[in-house]
Amino acid sequence: MASNTSNDNFQHRPRQRNGPPPPRRQGRNPPPPSSSTRTSQNQPQQQTPQEKKKPVFVKVDQLKPGTSGHTLTVKVVDQNSVPQKPGAASSHLRPARISECLVGDETACILFTARNDQVDLMRPGATVNLRNAKIDMFKGSMRLAVDKWGRIEVTEPVDITVKEDNNLSLVEYELVNVVEE
């Protein structure tokens, strides 16, 4: 039988600390600084309220591929439901409702991809404000979309005559690799 001399002499006893415990690691929302650390030179700090920037509304004809953060007011012209492929969604998820809506203003029109709850807001004839909208590319053409960071607001009806003969979704774009020498 072999004996472990190093383990035989080992004793379990609590470790003694000298001084205060180490500072805890701060999470996402650290607590506000205490009053003694807040005013280091006995001068009160002035809180300036952060002013919100006014949204800059753009027209549909100003939209370009690959851009985002657009705020615009458009009128819904038409809405077509996109049929789901069988087995496209998992059995434990509810099937996604997707609808393509033709929206526009007096400068141009574009296809808007509405998903799930957005489909109910995008009824033909409705006037909506799209906030933080982005341009997605689908098969080489532009589609307007609002993801979870954006917002769709139904507004009072505005008399907008949509320019349907300038449909930006009918323009095909081609990805070109540029090589610099």
Protein backbone atom coordinates (compact mmCIF):
# COMPACT_ATOMS: atom_id res chain seq x y z
CA MET A 1 0.00 0.00 0.00
CA ALA A 2 1.44 3.33 -1.07
CA SER A 3 0.87 6.33 1.10
CA ASN A 4 0.46 9.86 -0.13
CA THR A 5 2.41 11.97 2.30
CA SER A 6 1.45 15.21 0.61
CA ASN A 7 -2.31 14.53 0.99
CA ASP A 8 -2.05 13.23 4.56
CA ASN A 9 -0.80 16.57 5.87
CA PHE A 10 -3.36 18.68 3.98
CA GLN A 11 -5.85 20.52 6.19
CA HIS A 12 -9.03 22.28 5.15
CA ARG A 13 -9.23 25.66 6.76
CA PRO A 14 -10.76 28.95 5.62
CA ARG A 15 -8.49 31.45 3.98
CA GLN A 16 -7.91 34.67 5.89
CA ARG A 17 -8.30 37.96 3.99
CA ASN A 18 -6.49 41.15 4.72
CA GLY A 19 -8.53 44.26 3.99
CA PRO A 20 -11.83 44.78 2.18
CA PRO A 21 -13.15 42.31 -0.39
CA PRO A 22 -12.17 42.90 -4.03
CA PRO A 23 -14.56 45.03 -6.09
CA ARG A 24 -17.28 43.12 -7.89
CA ARG A 25 -17.37 43.00 -11.64
CA GLN A 26 -19.98 45.37 -13.07
CA GLY A 27 -22.73 43.99 -15.27
CA ARG A 28 -24.68 45.76 -17.99
CA ASN A 29 -26.20 48.41 -15.73
CA PRO A 30 -23.67 49.45 -13.10
CA PRO A 31 -25.06 51.28 -10.07
CA PRO A 32 -24.83 55.08 -10.08
CA PRO A 33 -21.68 56.43 -8.47
CA SER A 34 -21.96 57.31 -4.80
CA SER A 35 -22.25 60.95 -3.76
CA SER A 36 -18.65 61.06 -2.55
CA THR A 37 -17.23 60.02 -5.93
CA ARG A 38 -19.75 61.99 -8.01
CA THR A 39 -18.45 65.44 -7.08
CA SER A 40 -14.69 65.19 -7.04
CA GLN A 41 -14.03 68.94 -6.90
CA ASN A 42 -17.12 69.99 -4.89
CA GLN A 43 -18.80 71.22 -8.07
CA PRO A 44 -22.25 69.92 -8.92
CA GLN A 45 -22.45 68.19 -12.28
CA GLN A 46 -25.04 69.58 -14.64
CA GLN A 47 -27.17 67.01 -16.35
CA THR A 48 -27.89 67.99 -19.94
CA PRO A 49 -30.92 66.21 -21.34
CA GLN A 50 -30.07 64.38 -24.52
CA GLU A 51 -31.98 66.04 -27.30
CA LYS A 52 -33.62 63.75 -29.82
CA LYS A 53 -32.83 64.47 -33.41
CA LYS A 54 -35.73 65.22 -35.69
CA PRO A 55 -36.21 62.47 -38.27
CA VAL A 56 -35.15 63.37 -41.79
CA PHE A 57 -37.86 62.20 -44.17
CA VAL A 58 -36.69 60.99 -47.58
CA LYS A 59 -38.58 60.40 -50.79
CA VAL A 60 -38.80 56.96 -52.41
CA ASP A 61 -36.71 57.98 -55.43
CA GLN A 62 -33.77 58.75 -53.08
CA LEU A 63 -33.46 55.12 -51.91
CA LYS A 64 -30.29 53.27 -52.95
CA PRO A 65 -29.24 49.59 -52.66
CA GLY A 66 -27.66 48.52 -49.36
CA THR A 67 -28.74 51.58 -47.37
CA SER A 68 -30.63 51.72 -44.09
CA GLY A 69 -32.01 54.10 -41.48
CA HIS A 70 -34.60 55.66 -43.78
CA THR A 71 -37.69 57.49 -42.52
CA LEU A 72 -40.42 58.00 -45.10
CA THR A 73 -44.15 58.50 -45.51
CA VAL A 74 -45.71 56.25 -48.15
CA LYS A 75 -49.11 55.16 -49.35
CA VAL A 76 -49.90 51.46 -49.79
CA VAL A 77 -51.10 50.80 -53.34
CA ASP A 78 -51.38 47.01 -53.46
CA GLN A 79 -50.78 43.96 -51.26
CA ASN A 80 -50.06 40.39 -52.38
CA SER A 81 -49.67 37.53 -49.94
CA VAL A 82 -46.61 35.33 -50.54
CA PRO A 83 -47.52 31.61 -50.25
CA GLN A 84 -45.36 29.55 -47.92
CA LYS A 85 -43.56 26.48 -49.18
CA PRO A 86 -44.67 23.32 -47.35
CA GLY A 87 -42.09 22.32 -44.76
CA ALA A 88 -40.31 25.67 -44.97
CA ALA A 89 -40.91 26.44 -41.29
CA SER A 90 -40.09 24.11 -38.43
CA SER A 91 -42.97 22.24 -36.85
CA HIS A 92 -42.52 23.99 -33.48
CA LEU A 93 -42.56 27.50 -35.01
CA ARG A 94 -45.64 29.26 -36.21
CA PRO A 95 -45.59 29.83 -39.96
CA ALA A 96 -44.40 33.27 -41.00
CA ARG A 97 -46.85 35.47 -42.86
CA ILE A 98 -45.14 37.40 -45.63
CA SER A 99 -46.76 39.89 -47.95
CA GLU A 100 -45.32 42.04 -50.72
CA CYS A 101 -46.85 45.51 -50.78
CA LEU A 102 -46.40 48.13 -53.47
CA VAL A 103 -45.82 51.40 -51.62
CA GLY A 104 -44.83 54.81 -52.89
CA ASP A 105 -45.12 58.57 -52.94
CA GLU A 106 -45.29 61.25 -55.62
CA THR A 107 -41.69 60.50 -56.77
CA ALA A 108 -41.60 56.69 -57.17
CA CYS A 109 -42.81 53.35 -55.82
CA ILE A 110 -41.08 50.24 -54.44
CA LEU A 111 -42.02 46.80 -53.12
CA PHE A 112 -42.20 46.58 -49.33
CA THR A 113 -41.80 43.19 -47.64
CA ALA A 114 -44.22 42.98 -44.70
CA ARG A 115 -43.74 40.18 -42.16
CA ASN A 116 -46.14 38.74 -39.56
CA ASP A 117 -47.87 41.61 -37.65
CA GLN A 118 -46.76 44.14 -40.26
CA VAL A 119 -49.10 42.50 -42.82
CA ASP A 120 -52.17 43.76 -40.92
CA LEU A 121 -50.90 47.37 -40.98
CA MET A 122 -50.14 47.46 -44.71
CA ARG A 123 -53.65 47.57 -46.15
CA PRO A 124 -54.22 49.08 -49.62
CA GLY A 125 -55.07 52.77 -49.34
CA ALA A 126 -53.38 53.19 -45.93
CA THR A 127 -50.80 55.93 -45.37
CA VAL A 128 -47.90 54.81 -43.17
CA ASN A 129 -44.71 56.25 -41.70
CA LEU A 130 -41.78 53.84 -41.98
CA ARG A 131 -39.04 54.54 -39.44
CA ASN A 132 -35.56 53.02 -39.63
CA ALA A 133 -36.40 51.22 -42.87
CA LYS A 134 -33.72 49.45 -44.89
CA ILE A 135 -33.18 48.30 -48.44
CA ASP A 136 -32.79 44.54 -48.92
CA MET A 137 -31.70 43.05 -52.23
CA PHE A 138 -33.77 40.15 -53.55
CA LYS A 139 -32.80 38.55 -56.87
CA GLY A 140 -30.97 41.70 -57.92
CA SER A 141 -33.78 44.14 -57.16
CA MET A 142 -34.49 46.45 -54.24
CA ARG A 143 -37.07 45.69 -51.55
CA LEU A 144 -37.95 48.01 -48.69
CA ALA A 145 -38.25 46.39 -45.25
CA VAL A 146 -38.58 47.27 -41.57
CA ASP A 147 -36.91 44.88 -39.13
CA LYS A 148 -37.20 44.66 -35.34
CA TRP A 149 -35.24 47.90 -34.92
CA GLY A 150 -37.70 49.86 -37.05
CA ARG A 151 -41.32 50.85 -36.75
CA ILE A 152 -44.44 51.12 -38.90
CA GLU A 153 -46.98 53.76 -37.87
CA VAL A 154 -50.35 54.10 -39.58
CA THR A 155 -51.05 57.84 -39.96
CA GLU A 156 -53.95 59.98 -41.02
CA PRO A 157 -54.76 59.53 -44.73
CA VAL A 158 -52.70 61.92 -46.84
CA ASP A 159 -53.58 62.79 -50.41
CA ILE A 160 -50.59 61.21 -52.18
CA THR A 161 -50.73 60.36 -55.87
CA VAL A 162 -48.29 57.47 -56.18
CA LYS A 163 -46.06 57.57 -59.25
CA GLU A 164 -46.45 53.94 -60.31
CA ASP A 165 -44.56 54.28 -63.60
CA ASN A 166 -41.27 54.70 -61.65
CA ASN A 167 -41.04 51.36 -59.81
CA LEU A 168 -37.59 51.03 -58.21
CA SER A 169 -38.11 47.28 -57.65
CA LEU A 170 -38.16 46.69 -61.42
CA VAL A 171 -34.59 47.97 -61.77
CA GLU A 172 -32.12 45.07 -61.71
CA TYR A 173 -28.76 45.62 -60.06
CA GLU A 174 -25.66 43.54 -60.63
CA LEU A 175 -22.94 43.01 -58.04
CA VAL A 176 -19.63 44.14 -59.54
CA ASN A 177 -16.30 43.48 -57.89
CA VAL A 178 -13.99 46.46 -58.23
CA VAL A 179 -10.26 45.69 -58.24
CA GLU A 180 -8.00 48.62 -57.43
CA GLU A 181 -4.45 48.59 -58.70
